[in-house]
N, C-alpha and C. Protein backbone atom coordinates (compact mmCIF):
# COMPACT_ATOMS: atom_id res chain seq x y z
N UNK A 1 -21.76 35.12 27.49
CA UNK A 1 -22.75 34.07 27.59
C UNK A 1 -22.09 32.69 27.47
N UNK A 2 -21.15 32.57 26.55
CA UNK A 2 -20.47 31.29 26.36
C UNK A 2 -19.68 30.90 27.61
N UNK A 3 -19.10 31.89 28.26
CA UNK A 3 -18.35 31.62 29.49
C UNK A 3 -19.26 31.06 30.57
N UNK A 4 -20.45 31.62 30.71
CA UNK A 4 -21.40 31.13 31.71
C UNK A 4 -21.86 29.71 31.40
N UNK A 5 -22.05 29.42 30.12
CA UNK A 5 -22.47 28.07 29.73
C UNK A 5 -21.36 27.06 30.06
N UNK A 6 -20.12 27.42 29.79
CA UNK A 6 -19.01 26.51 30.07
C UNK A 6 -18.82 26.34 31.58
N UNK A 7 -18.99 27.43 32.34
CA UNK A 7 -18.93 27.31 33.79
C UNK A 7 -20.02 26.38 34.32
N UNK A 8 -21.23 26.54 33.79
CA UNK A 8 -22.33 25.65 34.19
C UNK A 8 -22.01 24.21 33.83
N UNK A 9 -21.41 24.00 32.67
CA UNK A 9 -21.02 22.64 32.28
C UNK A 9 -19.99 22.07 33.25
N UNK A 10 -19.08 22.90 33.72
CA UNK A 10 -18.10 22.44 34.70
C UNK A 10 -18.73 22.02 36.00
N UNK A 11 -19.70 22.80 36.46
CA UNK A 11 -20.39 22.43 37.70
C UNK A 11 -21.23 21.17 37.52
N UNK A 12 -21.86 21.02 36.37
CA UNK A 12 -22.63 19.81 36.10
C UNK A 12 -21.73 18.58 36.01
N UNK A 13 -20.58 18.75 35.36
CA UNK A 13 -19.63 17.64 35.26
C UNK A 13 -19.14 17.24 36.65
N UNK A 14 -18.83 18.23 37.48
CA UNK A 14 -18.39 17.90 38.83
C UNK A 14 -19.48 17.22 39.63
N UNK A 15 -20.71 17.67 39.48
CA UNK A 15 -21.79 17.02 40.24
C UNK A 15 -21.92 15.55 39.83
N UNK A 16 -21.72 15.26 38.55
CA UNK A 16 -21.73 13.87 38.11
C UNK A 16 -20.60 13.07 38.73
N UNK A 17 -19.39 13.62 38.70
CA UNK A 17 -18.24 12.95 39.31
C UNK A 17 -18.48 12.75 40.81
N UNK A 18 -19.00 13.77 41.46
CA UNK A 18 -19.20 13.70 42.91
C UNK A 18 -20.25 12.66 43.28
N UNK A 19 -21.39 12.71 42.62
CA UNK A 19 -22.45 11.75 42.93
C UNK A 19 -22.02 10.32 42.63
N UNK A 20 -21.32 10.13 41.54
CA UNK A 20 -20.84 8.79 41.19
C UNK A 20 -19.82 8.29 42.22
N UNK A 21 -18.94 9.17 42.66
CA UNK A 21 -17.93 8.75 43.64
C UNK A 21 -18.56 8.48 45.00
N UNK A 22 -19.65 9.17 45.33
CA UNK A 22 -20.33 8.92 46.61
C UNK A 22 -20.94 7.52 46.66
N UNK A 23 -21.24 6.95 45.51
CA UNK A 23 -21.78 5.60 45.48
C UNK A 23 -20.79 4.57 46.02
N UNK A 24 -19.51 4.87 45.93
CA UNK A 24 -18.47 3.91 46.29
C UNK A 24 -17.82 4.18 47.64
N UNK A 25 -18.34 5.13 48.42
CA UNK A 25 -17.68 5.46 49.68
C UNK A 25 -17.75 4.33 50.71
N UNK A 26 -18.75 3.46 50.62
CA UNK A 26 -18.82 2.33 51.56
C UNK A 26 -17.70 1.33 51.33
N UNK A 27 -17.29 1.16 50.08
CA UNK A 27 -16.27 0.18 49.72
C UNK A 27 -14.89 0.80 49.57
N UNK A 28 -14.85 2.06 49.22
CA UNK A 28 -13.60 2.76 48.98
C UNK A 28 -13.69 4.14 49.64
N UNK A 29 -13.17 4.28 50.87
CA UNK A 29 -13.35 5.53 51.60
C UNK A 29 -12.77 6.76 50.91
N UNK A 30 -11.79 6.58 50.06
CA UNK A 30 -11.18 7.70 49.35
C UNK A 30 -11.83 8.00 48.02
N UNK A 31 -13.03 7.52 47.80
CA UNK A 31 -13.68 7.68 46.50
C UNK A 31 -13.97 9.14 46.17
N UNK A 32 -14.38 9.92 47.15
CA UNK A 32 -14.67 11.33 46.89
C UNK A 32 -13.40 12.07 46.51
N UNK A 33 -12.31 11.77 47.19
CA UNK A 33 -11.03 12.40 46.86
C UNK A 33 -10.57 12.00 45.46
N UNK A 34 -10.66 10.72 45.15
CA UNK A 34 -10.27 10.26 43.82
C UNK A 34 -11.16 10.86 42.74
N UNK A 35 -12.45 10.92 43.00
CA UNK A 35 -13.38 11.51 42.03
C UNK A 35 -13.11 12.99 41.82
N UNK A 36 -12.77 13.69 42.89
CA UNK A 36 -12.47 15.12 42.77
C UNK A 36 -11.21 15.33 41.95
N UNK A 37 -10.17 14.56 42.23
CA UNK A 37 -8.93 14.71 41.46
C UNK A 37 -9.12 14.31 40.00
N UNK A 38 -9.94 13.30 39.76
CA UNK A 38 -10.24 12.92 38.38
C UNK A 38 -10.98 14.04 37.67
N UNK A 39 -11.94 14.67 38.36
CA UNK A 39 -12.66 15.80 37.77
C UNK A 39 -11.70 16.94 37.44
N UNK A 40 -10.80 17.27 38.36
CA UNK A 40 -9.87 18.37 38.12
C UNK A 40 -9.01 18.08 36.88
N UNK A 41 -8.55 16.85 36.73
CA UNK A 41 -7.75 16.50 35.55
C UNK A 41 -8.56 16.58 34.27
N UNK A 42 -9.77 16.05 34.29
CA UNK A 42 -10.64 16.09 33.10
C UNK A 42 -11.01 17.53 32.78
N UNK A 43 -11.31 18.32 33.80
CA UNK A 43 -11.72 19.71 33.58
C UNK A 43 -10.55 20.55 33.05
N UNK A 44 -9.33 20.28 33.51
CA UNK A 44 -8.16 20.97 32.98
C UNK A 44 -7.99 20.66 31.50
N UNK A 45 -8.16 19.40 31.13
CA UNK A 45 -8.06 19.02 29.71
C UNK A 45 -9.16 19.68 28.89
N UNK A 46 -10.37 19.75 29.44
CA UNK A 46 -11.49 20.36 28.71
C UNK A 46 -11.28 21.85 28.52
N UNK A 47 -10.81 22.54 29.55
CA UNK A 47 -10.58 23.98 29.40
C UNK A 47 -9.38 24.27 28.50
N UNK A 48 -8.37 23.40 28.54
CA UNK A 48 -7.24 23.56 27.62
C UNK A 48 -7.69 23.35 26.18
N UNK A 49 -8.56 22.38 25.95
CA UNK A 49 -9.11 22.16 24.61
C UNK A 49 -9.93 23.38 24.17
N UNK A 50 -10.72 23.93 25.08
CA UNK A 50 -11.50 25.13 24.76
C UNK A 50 -10.57 26.29 24.39
N UNK A 51 -9.46 26.42 25.09
CA UNK A 51 -8.50 27.46 24.77
C UNK A 51 -7.87 27.21 23.40
N UNK A 52 -7.54 25.96 23.12
CA UNK A 52 -6.95 25.63 21.83
C UNK A 52 -7.92 25.98 20.69
N UNK A 53 -9.20 25.68 20.88
CA UNK A 53 -10.21 26.02 19.86
C UNK A 53 -10.27 27.53 19.69
N UNK A 54 -10.25 28.27 20.78
CA UNK A 54 -10.29 29.72 20.69
C UNK A 54 -9.10 30.30 19.96
N UNK A 55 -7.94 29.70 20.16
CA UNK A 55 -6.73 30.21 19.51
C UNK A 55 -6.66 29.76 18.05
N UNK A 56 -6.92 28.49 17.79
CA UNK A 56 -6.72 27.97 16.43
C UNK A 56 -7.90 28.22 15.51
N UNK A 57 -9.11 28.20 16.02
CA UNK A 57 -10.28 28.33 15.16
C UNK A 57 -10.89 29.73 15.18
N UNK A 58 -10.98 30.33 16.37
CA UNK A 58 -11.66 31.62 16.49
C UNK A 58 -10.73 32.79 16.25
N UNK A 59 -9.43 32.56 16.25
CA UNK A 59 -8.49 33.61 15.92
C UNK A 59 -8.04 34.47 17.10
N UNK A 60 -8.33 34.06 18.32
CA UNK A 60 -7.85 34.80 19.47
C UNK A 60 -6.40 34.44 19.74
N UNK A 61 -5.68 35.35 20.40
CA UNK A 61 -4.31 35.04 20.77
C UNK A 61 -4.30 34.30 22.11
N UNK A 62 -3.18 33.66 22.40
CA UNK A 62 -3.03 32.96 23.67
C UNK A 62 -3.16 33.96 24.82
N UNK A 63 -2.64 35.14 24.61
CA UNK A 63 -2.72 36.19 25.63
C UNK A 63 -4.17 36.58 25.94
N UNK A 64 -5.03 36.54 24.95
CA UNK A 64 -6.44 36.84 25.17
C UNK A 64 -7.20 35.67 25.79
N UNK A 65 -6.83 34.47 25.42
CA UNK A 65 -7.56 33.28 25.87
C UNK A 65 -7.12 32.78 27.25
N UNK A 66 -5.88 33.03 27.63
CA UNK A 66 -5.37 32.48 28.88
C UNK A 66 -6.16 32.94 30.12
N UNK A 67 -6.50 34.22 30.27
CA UNK A 67 -7.29 34.60 31.45
C UNK A 67 -8.67 33.94 31.48
N UNK A 68 -9.28 33.76 30.32
CA UNK A 68 -10.58 33.10 30.26
C UNK A 68 -10.43 31.63 30.66
N UNK A 69 -9.37 30.99 30.16
CA UNK A 69 -9.14 29.59 30.52
C UNK A 69 -8.92 29.44 32.02
N UNK A 70 -8.13 30.34 32.59
CA UNK A 70 -7.88 30.26 34.03
C UNK A 70 -9.15 30.46 34.84
N UNK A 71 -10.01 31.37 34.41
CA UNK A 71 -11.29 31.57 35.08
C UNK A 71 -12.17 30.33 34.95
N UNK A 72 -12.27 29.82 33.73
CA UNK A 72 -13.12 28.65 33.49
C UNK A 72 -12.62 27.42 34.24
N UNK A 73 -11.32 27.30 34.40
CA UNK A 73 -10.78 26.16 35.14
C UNK A 73 -10.87 26.37 36.64
N UNK A 74 -10.49 27.55 37.11
CA UNK A 74 -10.32 27.77 38.54
C UNK A 74 -11.62 27.75 39.33
N UNK A 75 -12.69 28.30 38.79
CA UNK A 75 -13.93 28.39 39.57
C UNK A 75 -14.51 27.01 39.87
N UNK A 76 -14.76 26.15 38.87
CA UNK A 76 -15.27 24.81 39.21
C UNK A 76 -14.25 23.95 39.97
N UNK A 77 -12.96 24.10 39.66
CA UNK A 77 -11.95 23.31 40.37
C UNK A 77 -11.88 23.71 41.84
N UNK A 78 -11.95 25.00 42.13
CA UNK A 78 -11.93 25.45 43.52
C UNK A 78 -13.19 24.98 44.25
N UNK A 79 -14.32 25.05 43.59
CA UNK A 79 -15.56 24.56 44.20
C UNK A 79 -15.46 23.06 44.48
N UNK A 80 -14.88 22.32 43.55
CA UNK A 80 -14.73 20.87 43.73
C UNK A 80 -13.81 20.56 44.91
N UNK A 81 -12.71 21.29 45.02
CA UNK A 81 -11.80 21.05 46.14
C UNK A 81 -12.43 21.45 47.47
N UNK A 82 -13.25 22.48 47.46
CA UNK A 82 -13.97 22.88 48.67
C UNK A 82 -14.97 21.80 49.09
N UNK A 83 -15.69 21.25 48.14
CA UNK A 83 -16.64 20.17 48.44
C UNK A 83 -15.90 18.94 48.94
N UNK A 84 -14.77 18.61 48.32
CA UNK A 84 -13.98 17.47 48.78
C UNK A 84 -13.52 17.68 50.21
N UNK A 85 -13.11 18.90 50.54
CA UNK A 85 -12.66 19.21 51.89
C UNK A 85 -13.79 19.03 52.90
N UNK A 86 -14.99 19.43 52.51
CA UNK A 86 -16.14 19.32 53.42
C UNK A 86 -16.61 17.88 53.59
N UNK A 87 -16.50 17.06 52.55
CA UNK A 87 -17.03 15.69 52.60
C UNK A 87 -15.98 14.64 52.91
N UNK A 88 -14.74 15.02 53.08
CA UNK A 88 -13.69 14.02 53.36
C UNK A 88 -13.19 14.13 54.78
């Protein structure tokens, strides 16, 4: 359940980045690309922080948390890059 909530948060965060960057496309044609890359960087930091919490606070090992982190990072990041490809 927690994984689904974090995935949903990733998609919501990307939608915010995407909509905000679309506001600037008239003045800055690369705004969607910049917004997507900014989202990927922020989302990587957020999933790394989530992994750190799982290892340091919840008692999981890095070996247990790494596949979850990769899933949580890769799905929204891949969707973001796909949307950037379609809109750029």
